Amino acid sequence: MFYSQIILAKKGPLGKVWLAAHWGDKKLGRPQIFSTDISSSVDSIVNPAVPLALRVSGHLLLGVVRIYSRKVRYLMHDCHEAMVKIKMAFRPGVEGGSGAMGIGVAPDGTAVIVDMEKGGGKRGA
């Protein structure tokens, strides 16, 4: 087989990619997924320092795809949470928020942050 043990070691440059290819979602957590640089991993696979067998390259590319898929899934989840929070903050007829500050919309369409303890408002854009 054409590959170096150092490249595919757990702490090696493509170790996380190899684990993602063979273990899937079980082995790598969110911090490991986000610490993986996809572009440098692909460059290491396409232009390896030592020759890689075609099968090994295929497995590594599968790992890159799985890592990219999880990054996209995490991004979509975070965006969905942000949209829900924005919709909850700007829904009509709701006074107050989770704390002492409330967010509302003034009649002219500008966003207003209201301090619920003082009853005053502070205009924002």
PDB file of N, CA and C in Angstrom:
ATOM      1  N   MET A   1       0.849  -1.179   0.000  1.00  0.00           N
ATOM      2  CA  MET A   1       0.000   0.000   0.000  1.00  0.00           C
ATOM      3  C   MET A   1       0.889   1.235   0.000  1.00  0.00           C
ATOM      4  N   PHE A   2       0.471   2.254  -0.704  1.00  0.00           N
ATOM      5  CA  PHE A   2       1.263   3.455  -0.886  1.00  0.00           C
ATOM      6  C   PHE A   2       0.767   4.548   0.051  1.00  0.00           C
ATOM      7  N   TYR A   3       1.263   4.604   1.249  1.00  0.00           N
ATOM      8  CA  TYR A   3       0.972   5.724   2.135  1.00  0.00           C
ATOM      9  C   TYR A   3       1.918   5.665   3.321  1.00  0.00           C
ATOM     10  N   SER A   4       2.050   6.768   3.985  1.00  0.00           N
ATOM     11  CA  SER A   4       2.898   6.856   5.158  1.00  0.00           C
ATOM     12  C   SER A   4       2.038   6.759   6.409  1.00  0.00           C
ATOM     13  N   GLN A   5       2.500   6.014   7.387  1.00  0.00           N
ATOM     14  CA  GLN A   5       1.766   5.874   8.644  1.00  0.00           C
ATOM     15  C   GLN A   5       1.641   7.218   9.364  1.00  0.00           C
ATOM     16  N   ILE A   6       2.615   8.097   9.151  1.00  0.00           N
ATOM     17  CA  ILE A   6       2.611   9.396   9.832  1.00  0.00           C
ATOM     18  C   ILE A   6       1.461  10.266   9.330  1.00  0.00           C
ATOM     19  N   ILE A   7       1.160  10.197   8.040  1.00  0.00           N
ATOM     20  CA  ILE A   7       0.102  11.035   7.468  1.00  0.00           C
ATOM     21  C   ILE A   7      -1.262  10.656   8.025  1.00  0.00           C
ATOM     22  N   LEU A   8      -1.511   9.351   8.176  1.00  0.00           N
ATOM     23  CA  LEU A   8      -2.827   8.889   8.612  1.00  0.00           C
ATOM     24  C   LEU A   8      -2.915   8.644  10.112  1.00  0.00           C
ATOM     25  N   ALA A   9      -1.870   8.969  10.863  1.00  0.00           N
ATOM     26  CA  ALA A   9      -1.920   8.807  12.313  1.00  0.00           C
ATOM     27  C   ALA A   9      -2.998   9.710  12.894  1.00  0.00           C
ATOM     28  N   LYS A  10      -3.478   9.356  14.073  1.00  0.00           N
ATOM     29  CA  LYS A  10      -4.576  10.109  14.689  1.00  0.00           C
ATOM     30  C   LYS A  10      -4.225  11.582  14.862  1.00  0.00           C
ATOM     31  N   LYS A  11      -2.982  11.874  15.161  1.00  0.00           N
ATOM     32  CA  LYS A  11      -2.535  13.260  15.326  1.00  0.00           C
ATOM     33  C   LYS A  11      -1.909  13.811  14.046  1.00  0.00           C
ATOM     34  N   GLY A  12      -1.905  13.046  12.975  1.00  0.00           N
ATOM     35  CA  GLY A  12      -1.305  13.472  11.716  1.00  0.00           C
ATOM     36  C   GLY A  12      -2.169  14.481  10.984  1.00  0.00           C
ATOM     37  N   PRO A  13      -1.665  14.981   9.854  1.00  0.00           N
ATOM     38  CA  PRO A  13      -2.397  16.015   9.122  1.00  0.00           C
ATOM     39  C   PRO A  13      -3.735  15.547   8.559  1.00  0.00           C
ATOM     40  N   LEU A  14      -3.858  14.272   8.236  1.00  0.00           N
ATOM     41  CA  LEU A  14      -5.110  13.754   7.686  1.00  0.00           C
ATOM     42  C   LEU A  14      -5.785  12.756   8.629  1.00  0.00           C
ATOM     43  N   GLY A  15      -5.395  12.762   9.885  1.00  0.00           N
ATOM     44  CA  GLY A  15      -5.956  11.812  10.844  1.00  0.00           C
ATOM     45  C   GLY A  15      -7.445  11.990  11.063  1.00  0.00           C
ATOM     46  N   LYS A  16      -7.889  13.230  11.204  1.00  0.00           N
ATOM     47  CA  LYS A  16      -9.320  13.489  11.418  1.00  0.00           C
ATOM     48  C   LYS A  16     -10.131  13.127  10.183  1.00  0.00           C
ATOM     49  N   VAL A  17      -9.544  13.340   9.018  1.00  0.00           N
ATOM     50  CA  VAL A  17     -10.226  12.997   7.770  1.00  0.00           C
ATOM     51  C   VAL A  17     -10.372  11.481   7.663  1.00  0.00           C
ATOM     52  N   TRP A  18      -9.324  10.754   8.033  1.00  0.00           N
ATOM     53  CA  TRP A  18      -9.363   9.292   8.012  1.00  0.00           C
ATOM     54  C   TRP A  18     -10.413   8.774   8.999  1.00  0.00           C
ATOM     55  N   LEU A  19     -10.456   9.340  10.191  1.00  0.00           N
ATOM     56  CA  LEU A  19     -11.463   8.924  11.177  1.00  0.00           C
ATOM     57  C   LEU A  19     -12.871   9.236  10.699  1.00  0.00           C
ATOM     58  N   ALA A  20     -13.059  10.371  10.054  1.00  0.00           N
ATOM     59  CA  ALA A  20     -14.386  10.717   9.537  1.00  0.00           C
ATOM     60  C   ALA A  20     -14.812   9.745   8.448  1.00  0.00           C
ATOM     61  N   ALA A  21     -13.870   9.270   7.657  1.00  0.00           N
ATOM     62  CA  ALA A  21     -14.198   8.331   6.585  1.00  0.00           C
ATOM     63  C   ALA A  21     -14.583   6.969   7.139  1.00  0.00           C
ATOM     64  N   HIS A  22     -13.934   6.540   8.208  1.00  0.00           N
ATOM     65  CA  HIS A  22     -14.150   5.181   8.699  1.00  0.00           C
ATOM     66  C   HIS A  22     -15.082   5.081   9.895  1.00  0.00           C
ATOM     67  N   TRP A  23     -15.183   6.120  10.694  1.00  0.00           N
ATOM     68  CA  TRP A  23     -16.047   6.071  11.868  1.00  0.00           C
ATOM     69  C   TRP A  23     -17.300   6.914  11.704  1.00  0.00           C
ATOM     70  N   GLY A  24     -17.317   7.789  10.732  1.00  0.00           N
ATOM     71  CA  GLY A  24     -18.498   8.610  10.491  1.00  0.00           C
ATOM     72  C   GLY A  24     -18.727   9.608  11.609  1.00  0.00           C
ATOM     73  N   ASP A  25     -19.959   9.685  12.096  1.00  0.00           N
ATOM     74  CA  ASP A  25     -20.338  10.676  13.102  1.00  0.00           C
ATOM     75  C   ASP A  25     -19.989  10.249  14.521  1.00  0.00           C
ATOM     76  N   LYS A  26     -19.523   9.045  14.701  1.00  0.00           N
ATOM     77  CA  LYS A  26     -19.324   8.527  16.052  1.00  0.00           C
ATOM     78  C   LYS A  26     -18.075   9.075  16.735  1.00  0.00           C
ATOM     79  N   LYS A  27     -17.011   9.262  15.990  1.00  0.00           N
ATOM     80  CA  LYS A  27     -15.720   9.520  16.607  1.00  0.00           C
ATOM     81  C   LYS A  27     -15.370  10.998  16.765  1.00  0.00           C
ATOM     82  N   LEU A  28     -15.795  11.827  15.836  1.00  0.00           N
ATOM     83  CA  LEU A  28     -15.386  13.230  15.848  1.00  0.00           C
ATOM     84  C   LEU A  28     -16.501  14.119  16.376  1.00  0.00           C
ATOM     85  N   GLY A  29     -16.159  14.998  17.300  1.00  0.00           N
ATOM     86  CA  GLY A  29     -17.125  15.945  17.851  1.00  0.00           C
ATOM     87  C   GLY A  29     -17.072  17.271  17.117  1.00  0.00           C
ATOM     88  N   ARG A  30     -17.878  18.194  17.592  1.00  0.00           N
ATOM     89  CA  ARG A  30     -17.972  19.514  16.954  1.00  0.00           C
ATOM     90  C   ARG A  30     -16.636  20.269  16.934  1.00  0.00           C
ATOM     91  N   PRO A  31     -15.869  20.276  18.036  1.00  0.00           N
ATOM     92  CA  PRO A  31     -14.587  21.003  17.987  1.00  0.00           C
ATOM     93  C   PRO A  31     -13.601  20.415  16.967  1.00  0.00           C
ATOM     94  N   GLN A  32     -13.569  19.084  16.857  1.00  0.00           N
ATOM     95  CA  GLN A  32     -12.663  18.468  15.895  1.00  0.00           C
ATOM     96  C   GLN A  32     -13.106  18.755  14.461  1.00  0.00           C
ATOM     97  N   ILE A  33     -14.413  18.789  14.235  1.00  0.00           N
ATOM     98  CA  ILE A  33     -14.925  19.076  12.896  1.00  0.00           C
ATOM     99  C   ILE A  33     -14.543  20.495  12.489  1.00  0.00           C
ATOM    100  N   PHE A  34     -14.731  21.464  13.401  1.00  0.00           N
ATOM    101  CA  PHE A  34     -14.451  22.853  13.051  1.00  0.00           C
ATOM    102  C   PHE A  34     -12.961  23.160  12.996  1.00  0.00           C
ATOM    103  N   SER A  35     -12.131  22.353  13.635  1.00  0.00           N
ATOM    104  CA  SER A  35     -10.692  22.606  13.569  1.00  0.00           C
ATOM    105  C   SER A  35     -10.061  22.023  12.302  1.00  0.00           C
ATOM    106  N   THR A  36     -10.819  21.252  11.542  1.00  0.00           N
ATOM    107  CA  THR A  36     -10.301  20.661  10.308  1.00  0.00           C
ATOM    108  C   THR A  36     -10.407  21.664   9.166  1.00  0.00           C
ATOM    109  N   ASP A  37      -9.293  21.925   8.519  1.00  0.00           N
ATOM    110  CA  ASP A  37      -9.266  22.830   7.372  1.00  0.00           C
ATOM    111  C   ASP A  37      -9.466  22.002   6.107  1.00  0.00           C
ATOM    112  N   ILE A  38     -10.599  22.191   5.465  1.00  0.00           N
ATOM    113  CA  ILE A  38     -10.967  21.366   4.318  1.00  0.00           C
ATOM    114  C   ILE A  38     -10.051  21.630   3.128  1.00  0.00           C
ATOM    115  N   SER A  39      -9.748  22.893   2.863  1.00  0.00           N
ATOM    116  CA  SER A  39      -8.932  23.200   1.677  1.00  0.00           C
ATOM    117  C   SER A  39      -7.525  22.616   1.786  1.00  0.00           C
ATOM    118  N   SER A  40      -6.908  22.699   2.960  1.00  0.00           N
ATOM    119  CA  SER A  40      -5.563  22.125   3.095  1.00  0.00           C
ATOM    120  C   SER A  40      -5.614  20.600   3.067  1.00  0.00           C
ATOM    121  N   SER A  41      -6.700  20.019   3.584  1.00  0.00           N
ATOM    122  CA  SER A  41      -6.841  18.564   3.526  1.00  0.00           C
ATOM    123  C   SER A  41      -6.968  18.088   2.087  1.00  0.00           C
ATOM    124  N   VAL A  42      -7.773  18.785   1.303  1.00  0.00           N
ATOM    125  CA  VAL A  42      -7.933  18.408  -0.107  1.00  0.00           C
ATOM    126  C   VAL A  42      -6.618  18.589  -0.856  1.00  0.00           C
ATOM    127  N   ASP A  43      -5.891  19.672  -0.568  1.00  0.00           N
ATOM    128  CA  ASP A  43      -4.588  19.873  -1.211  1.00  0.00           C
ATOM    129  C   ASP A  43      -3.614  18.748  -0.854  1.00  0.00           C
ATOM    130  N   SER A  44      -3.654  18.291   0.404  1.00  0.00           N
ATOM    131  CA  SER A  44      -2.779  17.196   0.822  1.00  0.00           C
ATOM    132  C   SER A  44      -3.148  15.886   0.137  1.00  0.00           C
ATOM    133  N   ILE A  45      -4.430  15.713  -0.170  1.00  0.00           N
ATOM    134  CA  ILE A  45      -4.870  14.482  -0.837  1.00  0.00           C
ATOM    135  C   ILE A  45      -4.552  14.539  -2.329  1.00  0.00           C
ATOM    136  N   VAL A  46      -4.816  15.678  -2.952  1.00  0.00           N
ATOM    137  CA  VAL A  46      -4.615  15.803  -4.400  1.00  0.00           C
ATOM    138  C   VAL A  46      -3.129  15.858  -4.749  1.00  0.00           C
ATOM    139  N   ASN A  47      -2.350  16.570  -3.955  1.00  0.00           N
ATOM    140  CA  ASN A  47      -0.904  16.682  -4.179  1.00  0.00           C
ATOM    141  C   ASN A  47      -0.161  16.147  -2.957  1.00  0.00           C
ATOM    142  N   PRO A  48      -0.097  14.829  -2.780  1.00  0.00           N
ATOM    143  CA  PRO A  48       0.517  14.280  -1.563  1.00  0.00           C
ATOM    144  C   PRO A  48       2.044  14.388  -1.587  1.00  0.00           C
ATOM    145  N   ALA A  49       2.614  14.481  -0.388  1.00  0.00           N
ATOM    146  CA  ALA A  49       4.074  14.520  -0.270  1.00  0.00           C
ATOM    147  C   ALA A  49       4.662  13.146  -0.584  1.00  0.00           C
ATOM    148  N   VAL A  50       3.962  12.096  -0.198  1.00  0.00           N
ATOM    149  CA  VAL A  50       4.343  10.716  -0.527  1.00  0.00           C
ATOM    150  C   VAL A  50       3.217  10.117  -1.361  1.00  0.00           C
ATOM    151  N   PRO A  51       3.509   9.153  -2.207  1.00  0.00           N
ATOM    152  CA  PRO A  51       2.449   8.582  -3.047  1.00  0.00           C
ATOM    153  C   PRO A  51       1.357   7.913  -2.214  1.00  0.00           C
ATOM    154  N   LEU A  52       0.110   8.142  -2.611  1.00  0.00           N
ATOM    155  CA  LEU A  52      -1.040   7.510  -1.965  1.00  0.00           C
ATOM    156  C   LEU A  52      -1.725   6.596  -2.969  1.00  0.00           C
ATOM    157  N   ALA A  53      -2.162   5.446  -2.499  1.00  0.00           N
ATOM    158  CA  ALA A  53      -2.918   4.545  -3.360  1.00  0.00           C
ATOM    159  C   ALA A  53      -4.263   5.185  -3.685  1.00  0.00           C
ATOM    160  N   LEU A  54      -4.830   4.802  -4.800  1.00  0.00           N
ATOM    161  CA  LEU A  54      -6.101   5.364  -5.230  1.00  0.00           C
ATOM    162  C   LEU A  54      -7.201   5.071  -4.214  1.00  0.00           C
ATOM    163  N   ARG A  55      -7.182   3.886  -3.642  1.00  0.00           N
ATOM    164  CA  ARG A  55      -8.187   3.516  -2.642  1.00  0.00           C
ATOM    165  C   ARG A  55      -8.073   4.395  -1.397  1.00  0.00           C
ATOM    166  N   VAL A  56      -6.858   4.655  -0.952  1.00  0.00           N
ATOM    167  CA  VAL A  56      -6.644   5.516   0.214  1.00  0.00           C
ATOM    168  C   VAL A  56      -7.105   6.935  -0.097  1.00  0.00           C
ATOM    169  N   SER A  57      -6.793   7.423  -1.291  1.00  0.00           N
ATOM    170  CA  SER A  57      -7.249   8.758  -1.692  1.00  0.00           C
ATOM    171  C   SER A  57      -8.768   8.833  -1.697  1.00  0.00           C
ATOM    172  N   GLY A  58      -9.413   7.787  -2.166  1.00  0.00           N
ATOM    173  CA  GLY A  58     -10.878   7.746  -2.171  1.00  0.00           C
ATOM    174  C   GLY A  58     -11.457   7.783  -0.776  1.00  0.00           C
ATOM    175  N   HIS A  59     -10.854   7.018   0.146  1.00  0.00           N
ATOM    176  CA  HIS A  59     -11.318   7.034   1.532  1.00  0.00           C
ATOM    177  C   HIS A  59     -11.135   8.418   2.151  1.00  0.00           C
ATOM    178  N   LEU A  60     -10.007   9.039   1.875  1.00  0.00           N
ATOM    179  CA  LEU A  60      -9.758  10.369   2.430  1.00  0.00           C
ATOM    180  C   LEU A  60     -10.731  11.401   1.866  1.00  0.00           C
ATOM    181  N   LEU A  61     -11.047  11.305   0.584  1.00  0.00           N
ATOM    182  CA  LEU A  61     -12.025  12.234   0.005  1.00  0.00           C
ATOM    183  C   LEU A  61     -13.411  12.009   0.602  1.00  0.00           C
ATOM    184  N   LEU A  62     -13.757  10.763   0.901  1.00  0.00           N
ATOM    185  CA  LEU A  62     -15.016  10.486   1.593  1.00  0.00           C
ATOM    186  C   LEU A  62     -15.025  11.159   2.965  1.00  0.00           C
ATOM    187  N   GLY A  63     -13.901  11.102   3.675  1.00  0.00           N
ATOM    188  CA  GLY A  63     -13.803  11.774   4.968  1.00  0.00           C
ATOM    189  C   GLY A  63     -13.961  13.278   4.854  1.00  0.00           C
ATOM    190  N   VAL A  64     -13.387  13.867   3.816  1.00  0.00           N
ATOM    191  CA  VAL A  64     -13.531  15.309   3.590  1.00  0.00           C
ATOM    192  C   VAL A  64     -14.996  15.654   3.350  1.00  0.00           C
ATOM    193  N   VAL A  65     -15.676  14.845   2.554  1.00  0.00           N
ATOM    194  CA  VAL A  65     -17.091  15.095   2.267  1.00  0.00           C
ATOM    195  C   VAL A  65     -17.924  14.980   3.538  1.00  0.00           C
ATOM    196  N   ARG A  66     -17.627  14.005   4.378  1.00  0.00           N
ATOM    197  CA  ARG A  66     -18.385  13.859   5.631  1.00  0.00           C
ATOM    198  C   ARG A  66     -18.143  15.036   6.572  1.00  0.00           C
ATOM    199  N   ILE A  67     -16.908  15.505   6.644  1.00  0.00           N
ATOM    200  CA  ILE A  67     -16.609  16.664   7.492  1.00  0.00           C
ATOM    201  C   ILE A  67     -17.311  17.904   6.953  1.00  0.00           C
ATOM    202  N   TYR A  68     -17.270  18.105   5.644  1.00  0.00           N
ATOM    203  CA  TYR A  68     -17.942  19.254   5.040  1.00  0.00           C
ATOM    204  C   TYR A  68     -19.449  19.181   5.283  1.00  0.00           C
ATOM    205  N   SER A  69     -20.010  17.997   5.169  1.00  0.00           N
ATOM    206  CA  SER A  69     -21.444  17.817   5.405  1.00  0.00           C
ATOM    207  C   SER A  69     -21.816  18.178   6.837  1.00  0.00           C
ATOM    208  N   ARG A  70     -20.995  17.768   7.790  1.00  0.00           N
ATOM    209  CA  ARG A  70     -21.286  18.104   9.187  1.00  0.00           C
ATOM    210  C   ARG A  70     -21.132  19.594   9.442  1.00  0.00           C
ATOM    211  N   LYS A  71     -20.136  20.237   8.811  1.00  0.00           N
ATOM    212  CA  LYS A  71     -19.989  21.686   8.961  1.00  0.00           C
ATOM    213  C   LYS A  71     -21.217  22.409   8.430  1.00  0.00           C
ATOM    214  N   VAL A  72     -21.718  21.967   7.287  1.00  0.00           N
ATOM    215  CA  VAL A  72     -22.909  22.586   6.707  1.00  0.00           C
ATOM    216  C   VAL A  72     -24.121  22.339   7.597  1.00  0.00           C
ATOM    217  N   ARG A  73     -24.238  21.131   8.153  1.00  0.00           N
ATOM    218  CA  ARG A  73     -25.357  20.816   9.044  1.00  0.00           C
ATOM    219  C   ARG A  73     -25.318  21.695  10.296  1.00  0.00           C
ATOM    220  N   TYR A  74     -24.125  21.881  10.877  1.00  0.00           N
ATOM    221  CA  TYR A  74     -24.001  22.751  12.050  1.00  0.00           C
ATOM    222  C   TYR A  74     -24.354  24.192  11.699  1.00  0.00           C
ATOM    223  N   LEU A  75     -23.903  24.668  10.539  1.00  0.00           N
ATOM    224  CA  LEU A  75     -24.217  26.031  10.111  1.00  0.00           C
ATOM    225  C   LEU A  75     -25.717  26.201   9.912  1.00  0.00           C
ATOM    226  N   MET A  76     -26.358  25.227   9.286  1.00  0.00           N
ATOM    227  CA  MET A  76     -27.798  25.304   9.066  1.00  0.00           C
ATOM    228  C   MET A  76     -28.554  25.316  10.397  1.00  0.00           C
ATOM    229  N   HIS A  77     -28.106  24.516  11.341  1.00  0.00           N
ATOM    230  CA  HIS A  77     -28.747  24.489  12.658  1.00  0.00           C
ATOM    231  C   HIS A  77     -28.591  25.829  13.367  1.00  0.00           C
ATOM    232  N   ASP A  78     -27.392  26.412  13.314  1.00  0.00           N
ATOM    233  CA  ASP A  78     -27.160  27.706  13.952  1.00  0.00           C
ATOM    234  C   ASP A  78     -27.986  28.810  13.297  1.00  0.00           C
ATOM    235  N   CYS A  79     -28.084  28.782  11.968  1.00  0.00           N
ATOM    236  CA  CYS A  79     -28.899  29.783  11.256  1.00  0.00           C
ATOM    237  C   CYS A  79     -30.373  29.630  11.597  1.00  0.00           C
ATOM    238  N   HIS A  80     -30.825  28.394  11.714  1.00  0.00           N
ATOM    239  CA  HIS A  80     -32.228  28.160  12.067  1.00  0.00           C
ATOM    240  C   HIS A  80     -32.525  28.691  13.474  1.00  0.00           C
ATOM    241  N   GLU A  81     -31.610  28.443  14.402  1.00  0.00           N
ATOM    242  CA  GLU A  81     -31.789  28.966  15.762  1.00  0.00           C
ATOM    243  C   GLU A  81     -31.813  30.491  15.758  1.00  0.00           C
ATOM    244  N   ALA A  82     -30.934  31.113  14.981  1.00  0.00           N
ATOM    245  CA  ALA A  82     -30.907  32.576  14.904  1.00  0.00           C
ATOM    246  C   ALA A  82     -32.208  33.112  14.323  1.00  0.00           C
ATOM    247  N   MET A  83     -32.735  32.467  13.288  1.00  0.00           N
ATOM    248  CA  MET A  83     -34.003  32.907  12.689  1.00  0.00           C
ATOM    249  C   MET A  83     -35.155  32.779  13.680  1.00  0.00           C
ATOM    250  N   VAL A  84     -35.182  31.699  14.443  1.00  0.00           N
ATOM    251  CA  VAL A  84     -36.240  31.525  15.442  1.00  0.00           C
ATOM    252  C   VAL A  84     -36.152  32.620  16.491  1.00  0.00           C
ATOM    253  N   LYS A  85     -34.943  32.933  16.949  1.00  0.00           N
ATOM    254  CA  LYS A  85     -34.777  33.981  17.955  1.00  0.00           C
ATOM    255  C   LYS A  85     -35.165  35.350  17.403  1.00  0.00           C
ATOM    256  N   ILE A  86     -34.824  35.612  16.143  1.00  0.00           N
ATOM    257  CA  ILE A  86     -35.204  36.893  15.530  1.00  0.00           C
ATOM    258  C   ILE A  86     -36.712  36.987  15.399  1.00  0.00           C
ATOM    259  N   LYS A  87     -37.345  35.914  14.957  1.00  0.00           N
ATOM    260  CA  LYS A  87     -38.805  35.922  14.821  1.00  0.00           C
ATOM    261  C   LYS A  87     -39.487  36.090  16.173  1.00  0.00           C
ATOM    262  N   MET A  88     -38.938  35.460  17.208  1.00  0.00           N
ATOM    263  CA  MET A  88     -39.514  35.598  18.549  1.00  0.00           C
ATOM    264  C   MET A  88     -39.343  37.025  19.067  1.00  0.00           C
ATOM    265  N   ALA A  89     -38.223  37.652  18.748  1.00  0.00           N
ATOM    266  CA  ALA A  89     -37.966  39.001  19.238  1.00  0.00           C
ATOM    267  C   ALA A  89     -38.836  40.036  18.537  1.00  0.00           C
ATOM    268  N   PHE A  90     -39.128  39.831  17.270  1.00  0.00           N
ATOM    269  CA  PHE A  90     -39.856  40.830  16.501  1.00  0.00           C
ATOM    270  C   PHE A  90     -41.302  40.452  16.202  1.00  0.00           C
ATOM    271  N   ARG A  91     -41.845  39.488  16.905  1.00  0.00           N
ATOM    272  CA  ARG A  91     -43.249  39.152  16.639  1.00  0.00           C
ATOM    273  C   ARG A  91     -44.148  40.250  17.205  1.00  0.00           C
ATOM    274  N   PRO A  92     -45.238  40.547  16.529  1.00  0.00           N
ATOM    275  CA  PRO A  92     -46.103  41.663  16.940  1.00  0.00           C
ATOM    276  C   PRO A  92     -46.874  41.341  18.215  1.00  0.00           C
ATOM    277  N   GLY A  93     -47.066  42.377  19.024  1.00  0.00           N
ATOM    278  CA  GLY A  93     -47.888  42.252  20.220  1.00  0.00           C
ATOM    279  C   GLY A  93     -47.208  41.627  21.414  1.00  0.00           C
ATOM    280  N   VAL A  94     -45.914  41.408  21.355  1.00  0.00           N
ATOM    281  CA  VAL A  94     -45.214  40.795  22.476  1.00  0.00           C
ATOM    282  C   VAL A  94     -44.405  41.870  23.169  1.00  0.00           C
ATOM    283  N   GLU A  95     -44.625  42.003  24.451  1.00  0.00           N
ATOM    284  CA  GLU A  95     -43.877  42.962  25.259  1.00  0.00           C
ATOM    285  C   GLU A  95     -42.839  42.194  26.060  1.00  0.00           C
ATOM    286  N   GLY A  96     -41.654  42.738  26.159  1.00  0.00           N
ATOM    287  CA  GLY A  96     -40.631  42.137  27.002  1.00  0.00           C
ATOM    288  C   GLY A  96     -39.900  41.011  26.302  1.00  0.00           C
ATOM    289  N   GLY A  97     -38.853  40.575  26.917  1.00  0.00           N
ATOM    290  CA  GLY A  97     -38.052  39.499  26.367  1.00  0.00           C
ATOM    291  C   GLY A  97     -37.698  38.528  27.464  1.00  0.00           C
ATOM    292  N   SER A  98     -36.580  37.885  27.323  1.00  0.00           N
ATOM    293  CA  SER A  98     -36.177  36.904  28.315  1.00  0.00           C
ATOM    294  C   SER A  98     -35.639  37.572  29.574  1.00  0.00           C
ATOM    295  N   GLY A  99     -35.169  38.798  29.466  1.00  0.00           N
ATOM    296  CA  GLY A  99     -34.628  39.496  30.620  1.00  0.00           C
ATOM    297  C   GLY A  99     -35.378  40.778  30.869  1.00  0.00           C
ATOM    298  N   ALA A 100     -34.646  41.799  31.267  1.00  0.00           N
ATOM    299  CA  ALA A 100     -35.265  43.081  31.556  1.00  0.00           C
ATOM    300  C   ALA A 100     -35.340  43.962  30.311  1.00  0.00           C
ATOM    301  N   MET A 101     -34.800  43.502  29.197  1.00  0.00           N
ATOM    302  CA  MET A 101     -34.818  44.275  27.964  1.00  0.00           C
ATOM    303  C   MET A 101     -35.811  43.652  26.998  1.00  0.00           C
ATOM    304  N   GLY A 102     -36.525  44.491  26.277  1.00  0.00           N
ATOM    305  CA  GLY A 102     -37.453  44.016  25.267  1.00  0.00           C
ATOM    306  C   GLY A 102     -37.129  44.660  23.935  1.00  0.00           C
ATOM    307  N   ILE A 103     -37.433  43.971  22.859  1.00  0.00           N
ATOM    308  CA  ILE A 103     -37.193  44.498  21.522  1.00  0.00           C
ATOM    309  C   ILE A 103     -38.535  44.602  20.833  1.00  0.00           C
ATOM    310  N   GLY A 104     -38.779  45.737  20.224  1.00  0.00           N
ATOM    311  CA  GLY A 104     -40.030  45.937  19.513  1.00  0.00           C
ATOM    312  C   GLY A 104     -39.804  46.760  18.267  1.00  0.00           C
ATOM    313  N   VAL A 105     -40.890  47.076  17.584  1.00  0.00           N
ATOM    314  CA  VAL A 105     -40.823  47.874  16.366  1.00  0.00           C
ATOM    315  C   VAL A 105     -41.677  49.108  16.567  1.00  0.00           C
ATOM    316  N   ALA A 106     -41.081  50.274  16.323  1.00  0.00           N
ATOM    317  CA  ALA A 106     -41.800  51.536  16.445  1.00  0.00           C
ATOM    318  C   ALA A 106     -42.747  51.693  15.256  1.00  0.00           C
ATOM    319  N   PRO A 107     -43.739  52.614  15.372  1.00  0.00           N
ATOM    320  CA  PRO A 107     -44.674  52.818  14.263  1.00  0.00           C
ATOM    321  C   PRO A 107     -44.009  53.220  12.951  1.00  0.00           C
ATOM    322  N   ASP A 108     -42.848  53.875  13.025  1.00  0.00           N
ATOM    323  CA  ASP A 108     -42.174  54.267  11.785  1.00  0.00           C
ATOM    324  C   ASP A 108     -41.287  53.154  11.225  1.00  0.00           C
ATOM    325  N   GLY A 109     -41.267  51.979  11.858  1.00  0.00           N
ATOM    326  CA  GLY A 109     -40.553  50.826  11.329  1.00  0.00           C
ATOM    327  C   GLY A 109     -39.164  50.616  11.883  1.00  0.00           C
ATOM    328  N   THR A 110     -38.685  51.471  12.775  1.00  0.00           N
ATOM    329  CA  THR A 110     -37.357  51.283  13.335  1.00  0.00           C
ATOM    330  C   THR A 110     -37.428  50.343  14.525  1.00  0.00           C
ATOM    331  N   ALA A 111     -36.325  49.671  14.778  1.00  0.00           N
ATOM    332  CA  ALA A 111     -36.257  48.762  15.917  1.00  0.00           C
ATOM    333  C   ALA A 111     -36.089  49.571  17.192  1.00  0.00           C
ATOM    334  N   VAL A 112     -36.776  49.159  18.246  1.00  0.00           N
ATOM    335  CA  VAL A 112     -36.730  49.857  19.521  1.00  0.00           C
ATOM    336  C   VAL A 112     -36.380  48.851  20.600  1.00  0.00           C
ATOM    337  N   ILE A 113     -35.388  49.199  21.421  1.00  0.00           N
ATOM    338  CA  ILE A 113     -35.035  48.382  22.572  1.00  0.00           C
ATOM    339  C   ILE A 113     -35.596  49.080  23.795  1.00  0.00           C
ATOM    340  N   VAL A 114     -36.449  48.392  24.526  1.00  0.00           N
ATOM    341  CA  VAL A 114     -37.131  48.984  25.669  1.00  0.00           C
ATOM    342  C   VAL A 114     -36.584  48.368  26.941  1.00  0.00           C
ATOM    343  N   ASP A 115     -36.166  49.221  27.877  1.00  0.00           N
ATOM    344  CA  ASP A 115     -35.754  48.761  29.191  1.00  0.00           C
ATOM    345  C   ASP A 115     -37.021  48.586  30.011  1.00  0.00           C
ATOM    346  N   MET A 116     -37.388  47.349  30.311  1.00  0.00           N
ATOM    347  CA  MET A 116     -38.662  47.060  30.960  1.00  0.00           C
ATOM    348  C   MET A 116     -38.703  47.570  32.402  1.00  0.00           C
ATOM    349  N   GLU A 117     -37.553  47.698  33.043  1.00  0.00           N
ATOM    350  CA  GLU A 117     -37.537  48.179  34.419  1.00  0.00           C
ATOM    351  C   GLU A 117     -37.831  49.671  34.488  1.00  0.00           C
ATOM    352  N   LYS A 118     -37.318  50.441  33.523  1.00  0.00           N
ATOM    353  CA  LYS A 118     -37.505  51.885  33.533  1.00  0.00           C
ATOM    354  C   LYS A 118     -38.706  52.308  32.703  1.00  0.00           C
ATOM    355  N   GLY A 119     -39.103  51.476  31.742  1.00  0.00           N
ATOM    356  CA  GLY A 119     -40.237  51.813  30.895  1.00  0.00           C
ATOM    357  C   GLY A 119     -39.876  52.714  29.741  1.00  0.00           C
ATOM    358  N   GLY A 120     -38.630  53.099  29.616  1.00  0.00           N
ATOM    359  CA  GLY A 120     -38.203  53.982  28.537  1.00  0.00           C
ATOM    360  C   GLY A 120     -37.812  53.191  27.312  1.00  0.00           C
ATOM    361  N   GLY A 121     -37.531  53.889  26.270  1.00  0.00           N
ATOM    362  CA  GLY A 121     -37.127  53.227  25.035  1.00  0.00           C
ATOM    363  C   GLY A 121     -35.857  53.831  24.486  1.00  0.00           C
ATOM    364  N   LYS A 122     -35.124  53.064  23.756  1.00  0.00           N
ATOM    365  CA  LYS A 122     -33.906  53.535  23.129  1.00  0.00           C
ATOM    366  C   LYS A 122     -33.979  53.124  21.672  1.00  0.00           C
ATOM    367  N   ARG A 123     -33.873  54.078  20.784  1.00  0.00           N
ATOM    368  CA  ARG A 123     -34.010  53.777  19.361  1.00  0.00           C
ATOM    369  C   ARG A 123     -32.706  53.207  18.808  1.00  0.00           C
ATOM    370  N   GLY A 124     -32.871  52.259  17.903  1.00  0.00           N
ATOM    371  CA  GLY A 124     -31.739  51.692  17.178  1.00  0.00           C
ATOM    372  C   GLY A 124     -32.114  51.542  15.724  1.00  0.00           C
ATOM    373  N   ALA A 125     -31.149  51.191  14.896  1.00  0.00           N
ATOM    374  CA  ALA A 125     -31.444  51.057  13.465  1.00  0.00           C
ATOM    375  C   ALA A 125     -31.760  49.657  13.105  1.00  0.00           C
TER     376      ALA A 125
END
